[in-house]
Amino acid sequence: MATRQACERKNCPLEYILKDISTVHYEPERLFQWARVAMEVASA
């Protein structure tokens, strides 16, 4: 969240890229958790 806030203050574009989903480890619900956290950070 600090990075997003710093970019917002400096009017700097920011892009989050999900490159690796190895942390799912056969638990697809982790993707929903990741999406929830990403939306919280993006909208904070």
PDB file of N, CA and C in Angstrom:
ATOM      1  N   MET A   1       0.818  -1.183   0.000  1.00  0.00           N
ATOM      2  CA  MET A   1       0.000   0.000   0.000  1.00  0.00           C
ATOM      3  C   MET A   1       0.869   1.257   0.000  1.00  0.00           C
ATOM      4  N   ALA A   2       2.015   1.215   0.631  1.00  0.00           N
ATOM      5  CA  ALA A   2       2.896   2.385   0.682  1.00  0.00           C
ATOM      6  C   ALA A   2       3.367   2.774  -0.711  1.00  0.00           C
ATOM      7  N   THR A   3       3.659   1.787  -1.543  1.00  0.00           N
ATOM      8  CA  THR A   3       4.098   2.072  -2.910  1.00  0.00           C
ATOM      9  C   THR A   3       2.996   2.763  -3.686  1.00  0.00           C
ATOM     10  N   ARG A   4       1.768   2.268  -3.549  1.00  0.00           N
ATOM     11  CA  ARG A   4       0.639   2.877  -4.253  1.00  0.00           C
ATOM     12  C   ARG A   4       0.453   4.320  -3.804  1.00  0.00           C
ATOM     13  N   GLN A   5       0.555   4.555  -2.521  1.00  0.00           N
ATOM     14  CA  GLN A   5       0.380   5.907  -1.991  1.00  0.00           C
ATOM     15  C   GLN A   5       1.490   6.841  -2.467  1.00  0.00           C
ATOM     16  N   ALA A   6       2.716   6.349  -2.517  1.00  0.00           N
ATOM     17  CA  ALA A   6       3.833   7.167  -2.994  1.00  0.00           C
ATOM     18  C   ALA A   6       3.640   7.526  -4.466  1.00  0.00           C
ATOM     19  N   CYS A   7       3.206   6.572  -5.260  1.00  0.00           N
ATOM     20  CA  CYS A   7       2.959   6.843  -6.680  1.00  0.00           C
ATOM     21  C   CYS A   7       1.819   7.844  -6.856  1.00  0.00           C
ATOM     22  N   GLU A   8       0.816   7.729  -6.025  1.00  0.00           N
ATOM     23  CA  GLU A   8      -0.301   8.664  -6.089  1.00  0.00           C
ATOM     24  C   GLU A   8       0.161  10.085  -5.749  1.00  0.00           C
ATOM     25  N   ARG A   9       0.980  10.219  -4.718  1.00  0.00           N
ATOM     26  CA  ARG A   9       1.483  11.542  -4.322  1.00  0.00           C
ATOM     27  C   ARG A   9       2.324  12.177  -5.424  1.00  0.00           C
ATOM     28  N   LYS A  10       3.111  11.370  -6.107  1.00  0.00           N
ATOM     29  CA  LYS A  10       4.027  11.871  -7.143  1.00  0.00           C
ATOM     30  C   LYS A  10       3.413  11.834  -8.540  1.00  0.00           C
ATOM     31  N   ASN A  11       2.136  11.441  -8.619  1.00  0.00           N
ATOM     32  CA  ASN A  11       1.446  11.337  -9.898  1.00  0.00           C
ATOM     33  C   ASN A  11       2.205  10.413 -10.859  1.00  0.00           C
ATOM     34  N   CYS A  12       2.628   9.286 -10.327  1.00  0.00           N
ATOM     35  CA  CYS A  12       3.412   8.303 -11.074  1.00  0.00           C
ATOM     36  C   CYS A  12       2.542   7.077 -11.352  1.00  0.00           C
ATOM     37  N   PRO A  13       2.523   6.595 -12.590  1.00  0.00           N
ATOM     38  CA  PRO A  13       1.716   5.405 -12.868  1.00  0.00           C
ATOM     39  C   PRO A  13       2.247   4.181 -12.120  1.00  0.00           C
ATOM     40  N   LEU A  14       1.344   3.292 -11.794  1.00  0.00           N
ATOM     41  CA  LEU A  14       1.708   2.066 -11.081  1.00  0.00           C
ATOM     42  C   LEU A  14       0.926   0.912 -11.678  1.00  0.00           C
ATOM     43  N   GLU A  15       1.593  -0.187 -11.886  1.00  0.00           N
ATOM     44  CA  GLU A  15       0.952  -1.362 -12.454  1.00  0.00           C
ATOM     45  C   GLU A  15       1.345  -2.582 -11.632  1.00  0.00           C
ATOM     46  N   TYR A  16       0.351  -3.352 -11.230  1.00  0.00           N
ATOM     47  CA  TYR A  16       0.599  -4.617 -10.540  1.00  0.00           C
ATOM     48  C   TYR A  16       0.489  -5.733 -11.558  1.00  0.00           C
ATOM     49  N   ILE A  17       1.460  -6.615 -11.577  1.00  0.00           N
ATOM     50  CA  ILE A  17       1.453  -7.724 -12.526  1.00  0.00           C
ATOM     51  C   ILE A  17       1.563  -9.031 -11.754  1.00  0.00           C
ATOM     52  N   LEU A  18       0.576  -9.873 -11.935  1.00  0.00           N
ATOM     53  CA  LEU A  18       0.599 -11.196 -11.310  1.00  0.00           C
ATOM     54  C   LEU A  18       1.253 -12.147 -12.308  1.00  0.00           C
ATOM     55  N   LYS A  19       2.504 -12.501 -12.039  1.00  0.00           N
ATOM     56  CA  LYS A  19       3.260 -13.315 -12.970  1.00  0.00           C
ATOM     57  C   LYS A  19       3.308 -14.790 -12.586  1.00  0.00           C
ATOM     58  N   ASP A  20       3.129 -15.073 -11.328  1.00  0.00           N
ATOM     59  CA  ASP A  20       3.358 -16.430 -10.868  1.00  0.00           C
ATOM     60  C   ASP A  20       2.279 -16.798  -9.865  1.00  0.00           C
ATOM     61  N   ILE A  21       1.569 -17.875 -10.126  1.00  0.00           N
ATOM     62  CA  ILE A  21       0.520 -18.279  -9.193  1.00  0.00           C
ATOM     63  C   ILE A  21       0.903 -19.575  -8.481  1.00  0.00           C
ATOM     64  N   SER A  22       2.197 -19.778  -8.316  1.00  0.00           N
ATOM     65  CA  SER A  22       2.653 -20.998  -7.658  1.00  0.00           C
ATOM     66  C   SER A  22       2.189 -21.079  -6.217  1.00  0.00           C
ATOM     67  N   THR A  23       1.880 -19.937  -5.609  1.00  0.00           N
ATOM     68  CA  THR A  23       1.442 -19.955  -4.215  1.00  0.00           C
ATOM     69  C   THR A  23       0.036 -20.533  -4.057  1.00  0.00           C
ATOM     70  N   VAL A  24      -0.637 -20.780  -5.162  1.00  0.00           N
ATOM     71  CA  VAL A  24      -1.971 -21.379  -5.086  1.00  0.00           C
ATOM     72  C   VAL A  24      -1.866 -22.782  -4.486  1.00  0.00           C
ATOM     73  N   HIS A  25      -0.840 -23.508  -4.867  1.00  0.00           N
ATOM     74  CA  HIS A  25      -0.537 -24.822  -4.306  1.00  0.00           C
ATOM     75  C   HIS A  25      -1.779 -25.688  -4.127  1.00  0.00           C
ATOM     76  N   TYR A  26      -2.523 -25.856  -5.212  1.00  0.00           N
ATOM     77  CA  TYR A  26      -3.726 -26.709  -5.241  1.00  0.00           C
ATOM     78  C   TYR A  26      -4.840 -26.194  -4.325  1.00  0.00           C
ATOM     79  N   GLU A  27      -4.794 -24.906  -3.990  1.00  0.00           N
ATOM     80  CA  GLU A  27      -5.849 -24.285  -3.187  1.00  0.00           C
ATOM     81  C   GLU A  27      -6.355 -23.062  -3.952  1.00  0.00           C
ATOM     82  N   PRO A  28      -7.260 -23.256  -4.895  1.00  0.00           N
ATOM     83  CA  PRO A  28      -7.698 -22.143  -5.743  1.00  0.00           C
ATOM     84  C   PRO A  28      -8.348 -20.995  -4.969  1.00  0.00           C
ATOM     85  N   GLU A  29      -8.816 -21.245  -3.760  1.00  0.00           N
ATOM     86  CA  GLU A  29      -9.409 -20.154  -2.976  1.00  0.00           C
ATOM     87  C   GLU A  29      -8.385 -19.067  -2.667  1.00  0.00           C
ATOM     88  N   ARG A  30      -7.102 -19.409  -2.741  1.00  0.00           N
ATOM     89  CA  ARG A  30      -6.060 -18.399  -2.526  1.00  0.00           C
ATOM     90  C   ARG A  30      -6.136 -17.294  -3.577  1.00  0.00           C
ATOM     91  N   LEU A  31      -6.588 -17.636  -4.775  1.00  0.00           N
ATOM     92  CA  LEU A  31      -6.738 -16.615  -5.814  1.00  0.00           C
ATOM     93  C   LEU A  31      -7.795 -15.592  -5.412  1.00  0.00           C
ATOM     94  N   PHE A  32      -8.854 -16.046  -4.785  1.00  0.00           N
ATOM     95  CA  PHE A  32      -9.899 -15.128  -4.333  1.00  0.00           C
ATOM     96  C   PHE A  32      -9.367 -14.229  -3.215  1.00  0.00           C
ATOM     97  N   GLN A  33      -8.558 -14.795  -2.349  1.00  0.00           N
ATOM     98  CA  GLN A  33      -7.952 -13.995  -1.279  1.00  0.00           C
ATOM     99  C   GLN A  33      -7.019 -12.938  -1.880  1.00  0.00           C
ATOM    100  N   TRP A  34      -6.225 -13.348  -2.871  1.00  0.00           N
ATOM    101  CA  TRP A  34      -5.306 -12.415  -3.520  1.00  0.00           C
ATOM    102  C   TRP A  34      -6.091 -11.292  -4.196  1.00  0.00           C
ATOM    103  N   ALA A  35      -7.165 -11.639  -4.875  1.00  0.00           N
ATOM    104  CA  ALA A  35      -7.980 -10.634  -5.555  1.00  0.00           C
ATOM    105  C   ALA A  35      -8.576  -9.655  -4.557  1.00  0.00           C
ATOM    106  N   ARG A  36      -9.029 -10.136  -3.420  1.00  0.00           N
ATOM    107  CA  ARG A  36      -9.602  -9.279  -2.387  1.00  0.00           C
ATOM    108  C   ARG A  36      -8.553  -8.292  -1.876  1.00  0.00           C
ATOM    109  N   VAL A  37      -7.364  -8.782  -1.580  1.00  0.00           N
ATOM    110  CA  VAL A  37      -6.292  -7.918  -1.082  1.00  0.00           C
ATOM    111  C   VAL A  37      -5.899  -6.902  -2.152  1.00  0.00           C
ATOM    112  N   ALA A  38      -5.790  -7.340  -3.392  1.00  0.00           N
ATOM    113  CA  ALA A  38      -5.422  -6.428  -4.488  1.00  0.00           C
ATOM    114  C   ALA A  38      -6.448  -5.313  -4.631  1.00  0.00           C
ATOM    115  N   MET A  39      -7.725  -5.632  -4.519  1.00  0.00           N
ATOM    116  CA  MET A  39      -8.767  -4.608  -4.622  1.00  0.00           C
ATOM    117  C   MET A  39      -8.714  -3.649  -3.440  1.00  0.00           C
ATOM    118  N   GLU A  40      -8.401  -4.146  -2.271  1.00  0.00           N
ATOM    119  CA  GLU A  40      -8.265  -3.274  -1.095  1.00  0.00           C
ATOM    120  C   GLU A  40      -7.126  -2.288  -1.283  1.00  0.00           C
ATOM    121  N   VAL A  41      -6.004  -2.776  -1.785  1.00  0.00           N
ATOM    122  CA  VAL A  41      -4.848  -1.905  -2.002  1.00  0.00           C
ATOM    123  C   VAL A  41      -5.146  -0.887  -3.093  1.00  0.00           C
ATOM    124  N   ALA A  42      -5.776  -1.327  -4.167  1.00  0.00           N
ATOM    125  CA  ALA A  42      -6.057  -0.433  -5.288  1.00  0.00           C
ATOM    126  C   ALA A  42      -7.059   0.656  -4.926  1.00  0.00           C
ATOM    127  N   SER A  43      -7.972   0.363  -4.032  1.00  0.00           N
ATOM    128  CA  SER A  43      -9.009   1.340  -3.711  1.00  0.00           C
ATOM    129  C   SER A  43      -8.721   2.141  -2.453  1.00  0.00           C
ATOM    130  N   ALA A  44      -7.646   1.831  -1.764  1.00  0.00           N
ATOM    131  CA  ALA A  44      -7.327   2.537  -0.500  1.00  0.00           C
ATOM    132  C   ALA A  44      -6.804   3.921  -0.754  1.00  0.00           C
TER     133      ALA A  44
END
